[in-house]
């Protein structure tokens, strides 16, 4: 994984370090992750789960929406099998993300194994927003490692705080991640009309089904927009 941090040329005295530049940009994602992580830890413990459950889940599962859904099932009286099945369903979108980011992770089984654990909506969006392959790979690892650390620290802090935060929904924490993701993908949407059309189709479909399907499923159905992108690419 040493090559992940290597740069092709050293920055000059007045040129900002590429890693520093990426850290600055990724810090917005980290901030949002930490806030939502605090919310997740607090909700889980305030609902009656022991502190270790959200902490271990965040380290091993590491999938925000799947974790929220699994905890919701358990707090509603569902068993661990139902909770795991719900989380697995919501996290199937990671398969498409992995295909999109496979060439970015780098060579080696260990690198790919660790990278696969760091694949999230945010790390993939941040990496694919970069212009060249070298910067894309560096962006993935910088954002992925930072996001993993901040998310887990936030979950631990929220779990230790327990119910002291009150109703976390009143703070509007659920808006943090969508706002950051929109900021990340806007440059790509502006630059490529095919991607823009695909995103509009997927977004419209997700909005249409949101009132009638469980949380997380609209994101999966939004992948239908990729069909339009593929057709346009084949006819080009």
Protein backbone atom coordinates (compact mmCIF):
# COMPACT_ATOMS: atom_id res chain seq x y z
CA UNK A 1 0.00 0.00 0.00
CA UNK A 2 3.07 2.20 0.08
CA UNK A 3 2.59 3.21 -3.55
CA UNK A 4 -0.80 4.69 -2.70
CA UNK A 5 0.90 7.61 -0.98
CA UNK A 6 3.58 8.19 -3.60
CA UNK A 7 3.40 11.25 -5.83
CA UNK A 8 4.87 11.56 -9.28
CA UNK A 9 6.63 14.80 -8.49
CA UNK A 10 7.41 16.79 -5.38
CA UNK A 11 5.34 19.94 -4.86
CA UNK A 12 7.18 23.22 -5.22
CA UNK A 13 7.51 25.80 -2.45
CA UNK A 14 4.33 27.60 -3.48
CA UNK A 15 2.41 24.49 -4.60
CA UNK A 16 0.11 22.87 -2.06
CA UNK A 17 0.82 19.19 -1.32
CA UNK A 18 -1.55 16.91 -3.25
CA UNK A 19 -2.24 14.96 -0.06
CA UNK A 20 -2.93 18.16 1.88
CA UNK A 21 -5.26 19.30 -0.88
CA UNK A 22 -7.21 16.03 -0.75
CA UNK A 23 -7.36 16.09 3.05
CA UNK A 24 -8.82 19.58 2.92
CA UNK A 25 -11.51 18.52 0.47
CA UNK A 26 -12.25 15.23 2.25
CA UNK A 27 -12.58 16.95 5.62
CA UNK A 28 -16.14 17.98 4.75
CA UNK A 29 -17.06 14.34 4.24
CA UNK A 30 -15.33 13.40 7.49
CA UNK A 31 -17.21 16.09 9.39
CA UNK A 32 -20.55 14.85 8.07
CA UNK A 33 -19.57 11.26 8.85
CA UNK A 34 -18.63 12.11 12.42
CA UNK A 35 -21.91 13.91 13.03
CA UNK A 36 -24.02 11.05 11.67
CA UNK A 37 -21.84 8.55 13.55
CA UNK A 38 -22.61 10.32 16.83
CA UNK A 39 -26.29 10.14 15.92
CA UNK A 40 -26.11 6.40 15.19
CA UNK A 41 -24.30 5.57 18.43
CA UNK A 42 -26.71 7.66 20.49
CA UNK A 43 -29.83 6.20 18.83
CA UNK A 44 -28.64 2.62 19.33
CA UNK A 45 -27.81 3.02 23.02
CA UNK A 46 -30.79 5.23 23.81
CA UNK A 47 -33.00 2.52 22.29
CA UNK A 48 -31.70 -0.04 24.77
CA UNK A 49 -28.73 -1.67 23.05
CA UNK A 50 -25.44 -2.03 24.97
CA UNK A 51 -22.58 0.30 24.02
CA UNK A 52 -20.53 -2.47 22.42
CA UNK A 53 -23.18 -3.30 19.78
CA UNK A 54 -22.99 -0.08 17.68
CA UNK A 55 -19.22 0.13 18.24
CA UNK A 56 -18.46 -3.41 17.03
CA UNK A 57 -21.00 -3.09 14.21
CA UNK A 58 -19.29 0.06 12.97
CA UNK A 59 -15.88 -1.59 12.96
CA UNK A 60 -16.95 -4.85 11.31
CA UNK A 61 -19.91 -3.91 9.11
CA UNK A 62 -19.04 -0.26 8.44
CA UNK A 63 -22.10 0.66 6.37
CA UNK A 64 -24.07 3.64 7.65
CA UNK A 65 -27.50 3.08 6.10
CA UNK A 66 -27.33 -0.70 6.68
CA UNK A 67 -26.38 -0.12 10.30
CA UNK A 68 -29.24 2.30 10.90
CA UNK A 69 -31.68 -0.15 9.31
CA UNK A 70 -30.37 -3.18 11.23
CA UNK A 71 -30.55 -1.33 14.54
CA UNK A 72 -34.04 -0.11 13.67
CA UNK A 73 -35.16 -3.70 13.10
CA UNK A 74 -33.66 -4.84 16.40
CA UNK A 75 -35.17 -1.97 18.37
CA UNK A 76 -38.54 -2.72 16.79
CA UNK A 77 -38.37 -6.28 18.15
CA UNK A 78 -36.95 -8.07 15.10
CA UNK A 79 -34.36 -10.80 15.49
CA UNK A 80 -30.70 -10.67 14.44
CA UNK A 81 -31.39 -12.64 11.24
CA UNK A 82 -34.01 -10.12 10.08
CA UNK A 83 -31.68 -7.25 10.99
CA UNK A 84 -28.77 -8.80 9.07
CA UNK A 85 -30.97 -9.50 6.03
CA UNK A 86 -32.18 -5.89 5.97
CA UNK A 87 -28.65 -4.55 6.18
CA UNK A 88 -27.45 -6.92 3.47
CA UNK A 89 -30.23 -5.85 1.11
CA UNK A 90 -29.47 -2.17 1.58
CA UNK A 91 -25.75 -2.75 1.12
CA UNK A 92 -26.00 -4.62 -2.20
CA UNK A 93 -25.33 -1.32 -3.96
CA UNK A 94 -21.72 -1.73 -2.82
CA UNK A 95 -21.36 -4.39 -5.53
CA UNK A 96 -21.90 -1.75 -8.24
CA UNK A 97 -19.58 0.65 -6.41
CA UNK A 98 -16.87 -2.01 -6.25
CA UNK A 99 -17.01 -2.53 -10.01
CA UNK A 100 -16.68 1.21 -10.57
CA UNK A 101 -13.70 1.54 -8.24
CA UNK A 102 -11.93 -1.81 -8.81
CA UNK A 103 -9.05 -0.39 -10.86
CA UNK A 104 -8.54 2.41 -8.34
CA UNK A 105 -7.73 0.27 -5.29
CA UNK A 106 -4.32 -0.84 -6.50
CA UNK A 107 -2.62 -4.25 -6.88
CA UNK A 108 -2.30 -6.93 -4.24
CA UNK A 109 -4.84 -9.04 -2.37
CA UNK A 110 -4.33 -7.28 0.96
CA UNK A 111 -4.76 -3.86 -0.65
CA UNK A 112 -7.97 -4.96 -2.34
CA UNK A 113 -9.29 -6.60 0.84
CA UNK A 114 -8.73 -3.47 2.92
CA UNK A 115 -10.00 -1.24 0.11
CA UNK A 116 -13.19 -3.29 -0.23
CA UNK A 117 -13.96 -2.63 3.44
CA UNK A 118 -13.55 1.12 2.85
CA UNK A 119 -15.93 1.26 -0.15
CA UNK A 120 -18.80 3.60 0.70
CA UNK A 121 -20.99 6.05 -1.19
CA UNK A 122 -18.72 8.88 -0.08
CA UNK A 123 -15.31 7.34 -0.83
CA UNK A 124 -16.43 6.22 -4.30
CA UNK A 125 -17.95 9.60 -5.13
CA UNK A 126 -14.86 11.44 -3.88
CA UNK A 127 -12.47 9.20 -5.82
CA UNK A 128 -14.40 9.23 -9.09
CA UNK A 129 -14.62 13.02 -8.95
CA UNK A 130 -10.83 13.22 -9.50
CA UNK A 131 -9.44 13.76 -12.98
CA UNK A 132 -6.55 11.28 -13.32
CA UNK A 133 -6.01 7.69 -12.09
CA UNK A 134 -3.13 8.49 -9.72
CA UNK A 135 -5.05 11.23 -7.95
CA UNK A 136 -8.17 9.05 -7.97
CA UNK A 137 -6.33 6.29 -6.11
CA UNK A 138 -4.84 8.70 -3.59
CA UNK A 139 -8.26 10.32 -3.08
CA UNK A 140 -9.87 6.95 -2.37
CA UNK A 141 -7.36 6.00 0.31
CA UNK A 142 -7.18 9.44 1.92
CA UNK A 143 -10.94 9.80 2.12
CA UNK A 144 -11.55 6.12 2.95
CA UNK A 145 -9.12 5.82 5.86
CA UNK A 146 -10.12 9.20 7.28
CA UNK A 147 -13.81 8.41 6.96
CA UNK A 148 -13.41 5.04 8.69
CA UNK A 149 -11.58 6.60 11.63
CA UNK A 150 -13.94 9.56 12.06
CA UNK A 151 -17.08 7.42 11.68
CA UNK A 152 -15.98 4.99 14.38
CA UNK A 153 -14.86 7.73 16.75
CA UNK A 154 -18.22 9.44 16.25
CA UNK A 155 -20.14 6.22 16.90
CA UNK A 156 -18.16 5.60 20.10
CA UNK A 157 -18.79 9.16 21.29
CA UNK A 158 -22.51 8.90 20.54
CA UNK A 159 -22.78 5.49 22.22
CA UNK A 160 -21.07 6.77 25.35
CA UNK A 161 -23.35 9.81 25.39
CA UNK A 162 -26.37 7.49 25.18
CA UNK A 163 -29.67 9.24 25.59
CA UNK A 164 -28.12 12.49 26.79
CA UNK A 165 -28.44 14.00 23.31
CA UNK A 166 -32.21 13.59 23.28
CA UNK A 167 -34.01 13.11 19.98
CA UNK A 168 -31.18 13.27 17.41
CA UNK A 169 -33.69 13.71 14.56
CA UNK A 170 -34.40 17.26 15.77
CA UNK A 171 -30.88 18.33 14.79
CA UNK A 172 -31.37 17.50 11.10
CA UNK A 173 -28.33 15.22 11.09
CA UNK A 174 -29.78 13.15 8.26
CA UNK A 175 -29.19 16.04 5.85
CA UNK A 176 -25.40 16.09 6.33
CA UNK A 177 -24.46 13.19 4.04
CA UNK A 178 -26.77 14.08 1.11
CA UNK A 179 -25.46 17.65 1.11
CA UNK A 180 -21.84 16.49 0.96
CA UNK A 181 -22.55 13.95 -1.79
CA UNK A 182 -24.27 16.58 -3.93
CA UNK A 183 -21.23 18.82 -3.57
CA UNK A 184 -18.94 15.98 -4.65
CA UNK A 185 -20.82 14.93 -7.77
CA UNK A 186 -21.78 18.37 -9.10
CA UNK A 187 -18.53 18.91 -11.08
CA UNK A 188 -18.95 15.55 -12.86
CA UNK A 189 -22.62 16.22 -13.61
CA UNK A 190 -21.75 19.58 -15.15
CA UNK A 191 -18.98 18.15 -17.31
CA UNK A 192 -20.72 15.07 -18.78
CA UNK A 193 -24.21 15.26 -20.29
CA UNK A 194 -24.57 11.46 -20.43
CA UNK A 195 -23.89 11.12 -16.72
CA UNK A 196 -26.25 14.01 -16.06
CA UNK A 197 -29.11 12.30 -17.92
CA UNK A 198 -28.47 9.02 -16.13
CA UNK A 199 -28.40 10.75 -12.76
CA UNK A 200 -31.66 12.56 -13.48
CA UNK A 201 -33.36 9.30 -14.44
CA UNK A 202 -32.08 7.50 -11.37
CA UNK A 203 -32.93 10.40 -9.08
CA UNK A 204 -36.46 10.72 -10.45
CA UNK A 205 -37.07 7.00 -9.99
CA UNK A 206 -35.72 7.08 -6.43
CA UNK A 207 -37.95 10.02 -5.51
CA UNK A 208 -41.00 8.34 -7.05
CA UNK A 209 -40.64 5.12 -5.03
CA UNK A 210 -39.45 6.67 -1.74
CA UNK A 211 -42.96 6.86 -0.16
CA UNK A 212 -43.74 3.19 -0.83
CA UNK A 213 -40.50 1.23 -0.28
CA UNK A 214 -38.21 0.77 2.75
CA UNK A 215 -35.37 3.21 3.36
CA UNK A 216 -32.29 2.44 1.25
CA UNK A 217 -34.18 0.64 -1.53
CA UNK A 218 -34.62 3.86 -3.59
CA UNK A 219 -30.82 4.10 -3.85
CA UNK A 220 -30.71 0.61 -5.35
CA UNK A 221 -33.46 1.39 -7.84
CA UNK A 222 -31.66 4.58 -8.87
CA UNK A 223 -29.00 2.36 -10.47
CA UNK A 224 -31.48 1.87 -13.32
CA UNK A 225 -30.17 5.21 -14.57
CA UNK A 226 -26.94 3.42 -15.52
CA UNK A 227 -28.87 1.57 -18.24
CA UNK A 228 -29.46 4.87 -20.02
CA UNK A 229 -25.77 5.76 -19.69
CA UNK A 230 -24.74 2.41 -21.19
CA UNK A 231 -27.14 2.74 -24.10
CA UNK A 232 -25.92 6.21 -24.90
CA UNK A 233 -22.33 4.99 -24.74
CA UNK A 234 -23.01 2.06 -27.06
CA UNK A 235 -24.72 4.24 -29.65
CA UNK A 236 -21.98 6.88 -29.56
